[in-house]
């Protein structure tokens, strides 16, 4: 079976199913991250109150909508099903579709799975409870997915397709088109890279260089032929400059 994985993490940094990258912020609001005919993954972004740079956001929680049920995973490590807290492991059988939804702990990560009657994993969502999520969908959704994570059709060039089906090059237009529901959100402009801001102290830029440039040396250098190190280095520096903290660089790794 064909599987495809997207990720979001940090301030936040999205890698789509087809391998493109963007840093849509969105302020404090909820957005459709992944939408298929069977389920929807909704991401809640928020400003972190202890952050020095209030122009960037973090992934605060994830909500999975499936056959009339809502499963919410948040930063406190708790899980709510239809508004009620549940304890892990959690399992639910959907008689009409003969499918299963489960949530379990794997070390410090919560893993949500939707399994079809044929025992295919339609969705595998891993959430670290901090800001990073990996969402893997089955090949049955090839060409039939949408949201902030792109279309999953093998073409990275159309990943910024809005909710009404228009392809755009404007990140704000793309991102805000995927605002979830009718709730009121303060629509904020897309901020500049925090390391390039005149408000960022020199010592923070120096900290980001010291913390993140190690990706160019051993042992990480051996991986350069497999992954695009520039993306990971930039994400690391972005997060470090946004919160003035070496711990952000560690989380970005």
C-alpha atoms as a PDB file:
ATOM      1  CA  UNK A   1       0.000   0.000   0.000  1.00  0.00           C
ATOM      2  CA  UNK A   2       1.141   3.532  -0.744  1.00  0.00           C
ATOM      3  CA  UNK A   3       1.529   5.632   2.386  1.00  0.00           C
ATOM      4  CA  UNK A   4       2.385   9.304   2.707  1.00  0.00           C
ATOM      5  CA  UNK A   5       3.427  11.279   5.774  1.00  0.00           C
ATOM      6  CA  UNK A   6       3.250  14.974   6.502  1.00  0.00           C
ATOM      7  CA  UNK A   7       4.559  16.771   9.547  1.00  0.00           C
ATOM      8  CA  UNK A   8       4.067  19.960  11.491  1.00  0.00           C
ATOM      9  CA  UNK A   9       6.161  21.265  14.340  1.00  0.00           C
ATOM     10  CA  UNK A  10       7.624  24.308  15.997  1.00  0.00           C
ATOM     11  CA  UNK A  11       6.336  27.701  14.935  1.00  0.00           C
ATOM     12  CA  UNK A  12       4.785  25.799  13.028  1.00  0.00           C
ATOM     13  CA  UNK A  13       6.712  24.341  10.082  1.00  0.00           C
ATOM     14  CA  UNK A  14       4.706  22.205   7.683  1.00  0.00           C
ATOM     15  CA  UNK A  15       6.065  19.522   5.373  1.00  0.00           C
ATOM     16  CA  UNK A  16       3.275  18.423   3.033  1.00  0.00           C
ATOM     17  CA  UNK A  17       2.465  14.928   1.810  1.00  0.00           C
ATOM     18  CA  UNK A  18       4.196  15.726  -1.487  1.00  0.00           C
ATOM     19  CA  UNK A  19       7.310  17.207   0.127  1.00  0.00           C
ATOM     20  CA  UNK A  20       6.879  20.976  -0.073  1.00  0.00           C
ATOM     21  CA  UNK A  21       7.370  23.215   2.956  1.00  0.00           C
ATOM     22  CA  UNK A  22       5.695  26.287   4.413  1.00  0.00           C
ATOM     23  CA  UNK A  23       5.513  28.178   7.711  1.00  0.00           C
ATOM     24  CA  UNK A  24       1.908  29.378   7.901  1.00  0.00           C
ATOM     25  CA  UNK A  25       1.334  30.886  11.363  1.00  0.00           C
ATOM     26  CA  UNK A  26      -2.327  31.882  11.608  1.00  0.00           C
ATOM     27  CA  UNK A  27      -2.198  33.375  15.089  1.00  0.00           C
ATOM     28  CA  UNK A  28      -4.622  31.914  17.633  1.00  0.00           C
ATOM     29  CA  UNK A  29      -7.123  29.996  15.531  1.00  0.00           C
ATOM     30  CA  UNK A  30      -8.092  26.533  14.242  1.00  0.00           C
ATOM     31  CA  UNK A  31      -7.368  25.236  10.754  1.00  0.00           C
ATOM     32  CA  UNK A  32      -7.985  22.112   8.691  1.00  0.00           C
ATOM     33  CA  UNK A  33      -4.654  20.328   8.513  1.00  0.00           C
ATOM     34  CA  UNK A  34      -5.848  17.232   6.625  1.00  0.00           C
ATOM     35  CA  UNK A  35      -9.262  16.520   5.113  1.00  0.00           C
ATOM     36  CA  UNK A  36     -10.342  13.309   3.382  1.00  0.00           C
ATOM     37  CA  UNK A  37     -13.789  11.855   2.616  1.00  0.00           C
ATOM     38  CA  UNK A  38     -13.601   9.867   5.870  1.00  0.00           C
ATOM     39  CA  UNK A  39     -11.895  12.056   8.467  1.00  0.00           C
ATOM     40  CA  UNK A  40     -10.607  15.532   9.185  1.00  0.00           C
ATOM     41  CA  UNK A  41      -7.627  16.626  11.304  1.00  0.00           C
ATOM     42  CA  UNK A  42      -8.001  20.100  12.775  1.00  0.00           C
ATOM     43  CA  UNK A  43      -5.012  21.924  14.239  1.00  0.00           C
ATOM     44  CA  UNK A  44      -5.336  24.625  16.900  1.00  0.00           C
ATOM     45  CA  UNK A  45      -2.581  27.237  16.771  1.00  0.00           C
ATOM     46  CA  UNK A  46      -1.898  29.675  19.584  1.00  0.00           C
ATOM     47  CA  UNK A  47       0.661  32.209  20.727  1.00  0.00           C
ATOM     48  CA  UNK A  48       2.758  30.875  23.577  1.00  0.00           C
ATOM     49  CA  UNK A  49       2.418  33.312  26.430  1.00  0.00           C
ATOM     50  CA  UNK A  50       6.058  32.998  27.476  1.00  0.00           C
ATOM     51  CA  UNK A  51       7.389  33.621  23.959  1.00  0.00           C
ATOM     52  CA  UNK A  52       9.353  36.799  23.253  1.00  0.00           C
ATOM     53  CA  UNK A  53       8.085  36.908  19.680  1.00  0.00           C
ATOM     54  CA  UNK A  54       4.293  37.075  19.721  1.00  0.00           C
ATOM     55  CA  UNK A  55       4.047  37.132  15.920  1.00  0.00           C
ATOM     56  CA  UNK A  56       4.575  33.386  15.676  1.00  0.00           C
ATOM     57  CA  UNK A  57       2.319  30.530  16.753  1.00  0.00           C
ATOM     58  CA  UNK A  58       2.708  26.975  18.002  1.00  0.00           C
ATOM     59  CA  UNK A  59       0.602  23.899  17.482  1.00  0.00           C
ATOM     60  CA  UNK A  60      -1.434  23.723  20.687  1.00  0.00           C
ATOM     61  CA  UNK A  61      -3.764  20.782  20.047  1.00  0.00           C
ATOM     62  CA  UNK A  62      -5.120  18.429  17.407  1.00  0.00           C
ATOM     63  CA  UNK A  63      -8.715  17.341  16.897  1.00  0.00           C
ATOM     64  CA  UNK A  64      -9.662  14.346  14.774  1.00  0.00           C
ATOM     65  CA  UNK A  65     -13.230  14.246  13.444  1.00  0.00           C
ATOM     66  CA  UNK A  66     -14.436  10.800  12.401  1.00  0.00           C
ATOM     67  CA  UNK A  67     -17.964   9.468  11.908  1.00  0.00           C
ATOM     68  CA  UNK A  68     -19.536  12.025  14.242  1.00  0.00           C
ATOM     69  CA  UNK A  69     -16.896  11.633  16.964  1.00  0.00           C
ATOM     70  CA  UNK A  70     -14.362  14.233  18.056  1.00  0.00           C
ATOM     71  CA  UNK A  71     -11.034  13.158  19.555  1.00  0.00           C
ATOM     72  CA  UNK A  72      -8.853  15.963  20.898  1.00  0.00           C
ATOM     73  CA  UNK A  73      -5.170  15.587  21.787  1.00  0.00           C
ATOM     74  CA  UNK A  74      -3.701  18.522  23.681  1.00  0.00           C
ATOM     75  CA  UNK A  75      -0.413  19.687  25.172  1.00  0.00           C
ATOM     76  CA  UNK A  76      -1.251  18.526  28.679  1.00  0.00           C
ATOM     77  CA  UNK A  77      -1.187  14.911  27.507  1.00  0.00           C
ATOM     78  CA  UNK A  78      -4.911  14.488  27.980  1.00  0.00           C
ATOM     79  CA  UNK A  79      -7.371  13.079  25.458  1.00  0.00           C
ATOM     80  CA  UNK A  80     -10.993  14.162  25.163  1.00  0.00           C
ATOM     81  CA  UNK A  81     -13.625  12.265  23.201  1.00  0.00           C
ATOM     82  CA  UNK A  82     -16.706  14.350  22.469  1.00  0.00           C
ATOM     83  CA  UNK A  83     -15.653  16.711  25.256  1.00  0.00           C
ATOM     84  CA  UNK A  84     -15.159  14.040  27.917  1.00  0.00           C
ATOM     85  CA  UNK A  85     -11.689  13.104  29.179  1.00  0.00           C
ATOM     86  CA  UNK A  86     -10.735   9.482  28.556  1.00  0.00           C
ATOM     87  CA  UNK A  87      -7.820   7.383  29.747  1.00  0.00           C
ATOM     88  CA  UNK A  88      -5.427   5.506  27.516  1.00  0.00           C
ATOM     89  CA  UNK A  89      -5.387   3.113  25.839  1.00  0.00           C
ATOM     90  CA  UNK A  90      -8.675   4.108  24.236  1.00  0.00           C
ATOM     91  CA  UNK A  91     -10.507   2.024  21.612  1.00  0.00           C
ATOM     92  CA  UNK A  92     -13.767   2.569  19.784  1.00  0.00           C
ATOM     93  CA  UNK A  93     -15.508   0.356  17.236  1.00  0.00           C
ATOM     94  CA  UNK A  94     -17.745   1.969  14.616  1.00  0.00           C
ATOM     95  CA  UNK A  95     -20.340  -0.634  13.726  1.00  0.00           C
ATOM     96  CA  UNK A  96     -21.670   1.062  10.587  1.00  0.00           C
ATOM     97  CA  UNK A  97     -18.256   1.328   8.902  1.00  0.00           C
ATOM     98  CA  UNK A  98     -16.806  -1.693  10.758  1.00  0.00           C
ATOM     99  CA  UNK A  99     -13.721   0.407  11.527  1.00  0.00           C
ATOM    100  CA  UNK A 100     -11.705   1.087  14.671  1.00  0.00           C
ATOM    101  CA  UNK A 101     -10.237   4.211  16.229  1.00  0.00           C
ATOM    102  CA  UNK A 102      -7.588   3.844  18.912  1.00  0.00           C
ATOM    103  CA  UNK A 103      -5.357   6.145  20.949  1.00  0.00           C
ATOM    104  CA  UNK A 104      -2.350   4.836  22.850  1.00  0.00           C
ATOM    105  CA  UNK A 105       0.921   5.992  24.366  1.00  0.00           C
ATOM    106  CA  UNK A 106       4.275   5.119  22.836  1.00  0.00           C
ATOM    107  CA  UNK A 107       6.911   6.508  25.197  1.00  0.00           C
ATOM    108  CA  UNK A 108       6.310  10.289  25.205  1.00  0.00           C
ATOM    109  CA  UNK A 109       4.157  10.195  22.078  1.00  0.00           C
ATOM    110  CA  UNK A 110       0.418   9.730  21.677  1.00  0.00           C
ATOM    111  CA  UNK A 111      -0.555   7.661  18.645  1.00  0.00           C
ATOM    112  CA  UNK A 112      -4.034   7.753  17.113  1.00  0.00           C
ATOM    113  CA  UNK A 113      -4.976   5.158  14.506  1.00  0.00           C
ATOM    114  CA  UNK A 114      -8.010   4.630  12.313  1.00  0.00           C
ATOM    115  CA  UNK A 115      -8.180   1.071  10.969  1.00  0.00           C
ATOM    116  CA  UNK A 116     -10.483  -0.113   8.172  1.00  0.00           C
ATOM    117  CA  UNK A 117     -12.341  -3.465   8.030  1.00  0.00           C
ATOM    118  CA  UNK A 118      -9.581  -4.695   5.689  1.00  0.00           C
ATOM    119  CA  UNK A 119      -7.067  -3.948   8.479  1.00  0.00           C
ATOM    120  CA  UNK A 120      -5.567  -1.016   6.572  1.00  0.00           C
ATOM    121  CA  UNK A 121      -4.393   1.930   8.641  1.00  0.00           C
ATOM    122  CA  UNK A 122      -6.332   4.830   7.113  1.00  0.00           C
ATOM    123  CA  UNK A 123      -4.710   7.328   9.484  1.00  0.00           C
ATOM    124  CA  UNK A 124      -1.728   7.110  11.808  1.00  0.00           C
ATOM    125  CA  UNK A 125      -1.231  10.324  13.776  1.00  0.00           C
ATOM    126  CA  UNK A 126       1.711  10.711  16.169  1.00  0.00           C
ATOM    127  CA  UNK A 127       1.627  13.697  18.539  1.00  0.00           C
ATOM    128  CA  UNK A 128       4.438  14.558  20.958  1.00  0.00           C
ATOM    129  CA  UNK A 129       2.207  16.669  23.214  1.00  0.00           C
ATOM    130  CA  UNK A 130       4.396  19.697  22.633  1.00  0.00           C
ATOM    131  CA  UNK A 131       4.146  21.043  19.098  1.00  0.00           C
ATOM    132  CA  UNK A 132       5.077  18.295  16.663  1.00  0.00           C
ATOM    133  CA  UNK A 133       2.798  15.905  14.786  1.00  0.00           C
ATOM    134  CA  UNK A 134       3.364  13.311  12.064  1.00  0.00           C
ATOM    135  CA  UNK A 135       0.305  12.331  10.051  1.00  0.00           C
ATOM    136  CA  UNK A 136       0.466   9.278   7.769  1.00  0.00           C
ATOM    137  CA  UNK A 137      -2.467   8.464   5.479  1.00  0.00           C
ATOM    138  CA  UNK A 138      -3.165   5.383   3.381  1.00  0.00           C
ATOM    139  CA  UNK A 139      -2.828   5.361  -0.399  1.00  0.00           C
ATOM    140  CA  UNK A 140      -6.614   5.085  -0.737  1.00  0.00           C
ATOM    141  CA  UNK A 141      -6.626   8.867  -0.228  1.00  0.00           C
ATOM    142  CA  UNK A 142      -4.169   9.582  -3.045  1.00  0.00           C
ATOM    143  CA  UNK A 143      -5.620  12.513  -4.972  1.00  0.00           C
ATOM    144  CA  UNK A 144      -8.395  12.839  -2.393  1.00  0.00           C
ATOM    145  CA  UNK A 145      -6.855  14.808   0.442  1.00  0.00           C
ATOM    146  CA  UNK A 146      -6.633  18.543   1.088  1.00  0.00           C
ATOM    147  CA  UNK A 147      -5.824  21.124   3.769  1.00  0.00           C
ATOM    148  CA  UNK A 148      -2.671  22.789   5.061  1.00  0.00           C
ATOM    149  CA  UNK A 149      -0.782  19.566   4.279  1.00  0.00           C
ATOM    150  CA  UNK A 150      -1.480  19.696   0.553  1.00  0.00           C
ATOM    151  CA  UNK A 151      -3.298  17.465  -1.900  1.00  0.00           C
ATOM    152  CA  UNK A 152      -1.331  14.171  -1.766  1.00  0.00           C
ATOM    153  CA  UNK A 153      -1.323  13.788  -5.542  1.00  0.00           C
ATOM    154  CA  UNK A 154       2.391  13.527  -6.261  1.00  0.00           C
ATOM    155  CA  UNK A 155       2.746  17.189  -7.269  1.00  0.00           C
ATOM    156  CA  UNK A 156       4.316  19.602  -4.795  1.00  0.00           C
ATOM    157  CA  UNK A 157       3.574  22.510  -7.149  1.00  0.00           C
ATOM    158  CA  UNK A 158      -0.135  22.627  -6.265  1.00  0.00           C
ATOM    159  CA  UNK A 159       0.159  22.069  -2.524  1.00  0.00           C
ATOM    160  CA  UNK A 160      -0.990  25.620  -1.788  1.00  0.00           C
ATOM    161  CA  UNK A 161      -4.520  24.926  -3.016  1.00  0.00           C
ATOM    162  CA  UNK A 162      -7.185  26.867  -1.136  1.00  0.00           C
ATOM    163  CA  UNK A 163     -10.349  25.385   0.312  1.00  0.00           C
ATOM    164  CA  UNK A 164     -12.285  26.485  -2.802  1.00  0.00           C
ATOM    165  CA  UNK A 165      -9.850  24.699  -5.124  1.00  0.00           C
ATOM    166  CA  UNK A 166      -7.742  27.642  -6.340  1.00  0.00           C
ATOM    167  CA  UNK A 167      -3.942  27.329  -6.483  1.00  0.00           C
ATOM    168  CA  UNK A 168      -2.179  30.371  -5.022  1.00  0.00           C
ATOM    169  CA  UNK A 169       1.373  31.498  -4.316  1.00  0.00           C
ATOM    170  CA  UNK A 170       0.292  33.693  -1.403  1.00  0.00           C
ATOM    171  CA  UNK A 171       0.815  31.842   1.885  1.00  0.00           C
ATOM    172  CA  UNK A 172      -1.690  33.914   3.882  1.00  0.00           C
ATOM    173  CA  UNK A 173      -4.429  33.444   1.270  1.00  0.00           C
ATOM    174  CA  UNK A 174      -3.794  29.706   1.254  1.00  0.00           C
ATOM    175  CA  UNK A 175      -3.601  29.309   5.031  1.00  0.00           C
ATOM    176  CA  UNK A 176      -6.582  31.428   5.997  1.00  0.00           C
ATOM    177  CA  UNK A 177      -8.772  29.701   3.425  1.00  0.00           C
ATOM    178  CA  UNK A 178      -8.467  26.606   5.628  1.00  0.00           C
ATOM    179  CA  UNK A 179      -9.746  28.320   8.797  1.00  0.00           C
ATOM    180  CA  UNK A 180     -12.008  25.793  10.466  1.00  0.00           C
ATOM    181  CA  UNK A 181     -15.657  26.607  11.021  1.00  0.00           C
ATOM    182  CA  UNK A 182     -17.229  29.996  11.536  1.00  0.00           C
ATOM    183  CA  UNK A 183     -15.377  31.011  14.693  1.00  0.00           C
ATOM    184  CA  UNK A 184     -13.959  34.508  14.897  1.00  0.00           C
ATOM    185  CA  UNK A 185     -10.175  34.737  14.638  1.00  0.00           C
ATOM    186  CA  UNK A 186      -7.938  37.765  14.440  1.00  0.00           C
ATOM    187  CA  UNK A 187      -6.441  37.532  10.964  1.00  0.00           C
ATOM    188  CA  UNK A 188      -2.791  38.376  11.363  1.00  0.00           C
ATOM    189  CA  UNK A 189      -0.223  39.137   8.657  1.00  0.00           C
ATOM    190  CA  UNK A 190       2.396  36.509   7.915  1.00  0.00           C
ATOM    191  CA  UNK A 191       5.451  37.582   9.965  1.00  0.00           C
ATOM    192  CA  UNK A 192       8.995  37.879   8.687  1.00  0.00           C
ATOM    193  CA  UNK A 193      11.607  35.316   9.676  1.00  0.00           C
ATOM    194  CA  UNK A 194      12.336  36.117  13.366  1.00  0.00           C
ATOM    195  CA  UNK A 195      16.107  35.866  12.836  1.00  0.00           C
ATOM    196  CA  UNK A 196      15.833  38.681  10.279  1.00  0.00           C
ATOM    197  CA  UNK A 197      13.811  40.981  12.520  1.00  0.00           C
ATOM    198  CA  UNK A 198      15.481  44.165  13.752  1.00  0.00           C
ATOM    199  CA  UNK A 199      13.892  43.461  17.149  1.00  0.00           C
ATOM    200  CA  UNK A 200      15.824  40.202  17.592  1.00  0.00           C
ATOM    201  CA  UNK A 201      18.968  40.771  19.732  1.00  0.00           C
ATOM    202  CA  UNK A 202      22.345  39.850  18.269  1.00  0.00           C
ATOM    203  CA  UNK A 203      22.938  37.293  21.012  1.00  0.00           C
ATOM    204  CA  UNK A 204      19.818  35.391  19.949  1.00  0.00           C
ATOM    205  CA  UNK A 205      21.069  35.153  16.368  1.00  0.00           C
ATOM    206  CA  UNK A 206      24.428  33.974  17.707  1.00  0.00           C
ATOM    207  CA  UNK A 207      22.618  31.382  19.839  1.00  0.00           C
ATOM    208  CA  UNK A 208      20.679  30.128  16.810  1.00  0.00           C
ATOM    209  CA  UNK A 209      23.903  29.780  14.787  1.00  0.00           C
ATOM    210  CA  UNK A 210      25.687  27.932  17.593  1.00  0.00           C
ATOM    211  CA  UNK A 211      22.746  25.612  18.262  1.00  0.00           C
ATOM    212  CA  UNK A 212      21.683  24.831  14.712  1.00  0.00           C
ATOM    213  CA  UNK A 213      24.805  24.935  12.538  1.00  0.00           C
ATOM    214  CA  UNK A 214      25.972  21.692  14.139  1.00  0.00           C
ATOM    215  CA  UNK A 215      23.640  20.030  11.634  1.00  0.00           C
ATOM    216  CA  UNK A 216      26.374  20.712   9.073  1.00  0.00           C
ATOM    217  CA  UNK A 217      28.916  18.602  10.954  1.00  0.00           C
ATOM    218  CA  UNK A 218      29.285  15.009  12.129  1.00  0.00           C
ATOM    219  CA  UNK A 219      27.344  12.892  12.852  1.00  0.00           C
ATOM    220  CA  UNK A 220      24.543  14.701  10.977  1.00  0.00           C
ATOM    221  CA  UNK A 221      26.645  15.231   7.849  1.00  0.00           C
ATOM    222  CA  UNK A 222      26.248  11.578   6.937  1.00  0.00           C
ATOM    223  CA  UNK A 223      22.519  12.181   6.433  1.00  0.00           C
ATOM    224  CA  UNK A 224      22.879  15.073   3.983  1.00  0.00           C
ATOM    225  CA  UNK A 225      22.507  12.805   0.978  1.00  0.00           C
ATOM    226  CA  UNK A 226      19.127  11.582   2.245  1.00  0.00           C
ATOM    227  CA  UNK A 227      17.449  14.682   3.704  1.00  0.00           C
ATOM    228  CA  UNK A 228      17.426  18.392   2.902  1.00  0.00           C
ATOM    229  CA  UNK A 229      19.455  19.735   5.825  1.00  0.00           C
ATOM    230  CA  UNK A 230      18.741  23.350   4.825  1.00  0.00           C
ATOM    231  CA  UNK A 231      15.096  22.946   5.829  1.00  0.00           C
ATOM    232  CA  UNK A 232      15.887  21.502   9.239  1.00  0.00           C
ATOM    233  CA  UNK A 233      18.589  24.111   9.912  1.00  0.00           C
ATOM    234  CA  UNK A 234      16.246  26.956   8.978  1.00  0.00           C
ATOM    235  CA  UNK A 235      13.416  25.558  11.118  1.00  0.00           C
ATOM    236  CA  UNK A 236      15.816  25.228  14.041  1.00  0.00           C
ATOM    237  CA  UNK A 237      16.990  28.838  13.700  1.00  0.00           C
ATOM    238  CA  UNK A 238      13.439  30.096  13.188  1.00  0.00           C
ATOM    239  CA  UNK A 239      12.262  28.511  16.455  1.00  0.00           C
ATOM    240  CA  UNK A 240      15.324  29.597  18.439  1.00  0.00           C
ATOM    241  CA  UNK A 241      15.026  33.213  17.315  1.00  0.00           C
ATOM    242  CA  UNK A 242      11.290  33.184  18.026  1.00  0.00           C
ATOM    243  CA  UNK A 243      11.585  32.170  21.675  1.00  0.00           C
ATOM    244  CA  UNK A 244      15.143  33.175  22.668  1.00  0.00           C
ATOM    245  CA  UNK A 245      15.794  29.730  24.095  1.00  0.00           C
ATOM    246  CA  UNK A 246      18.236  26.914  23.298  1.00  0.00           C
ATOM    247  CA  UNK A 247      15.501  24.455  24.320  1.00  0.00           C
ATOM    248  CA  UNK A 248      13.612  25.432  21.162  1.00  0.00           C
ATOM    249  CA  UNK A 249      16.582  24.307  19.090  1.00  0.00           C
ATOM    250  CA  UNK A 250      16.592  20.977  20.931  1.00  0.00           C
ATOM    251  CA  UNK A 251      12.868  20.527  20.273  1.00  0.00           C
ATOM    252  CA  UNK A 252      13.389  21.328  16.611  1.00  0.00           C
ATOM    253  CA  UNK A 253      15.856  18.436  16.322  1.00  0.00           C
END
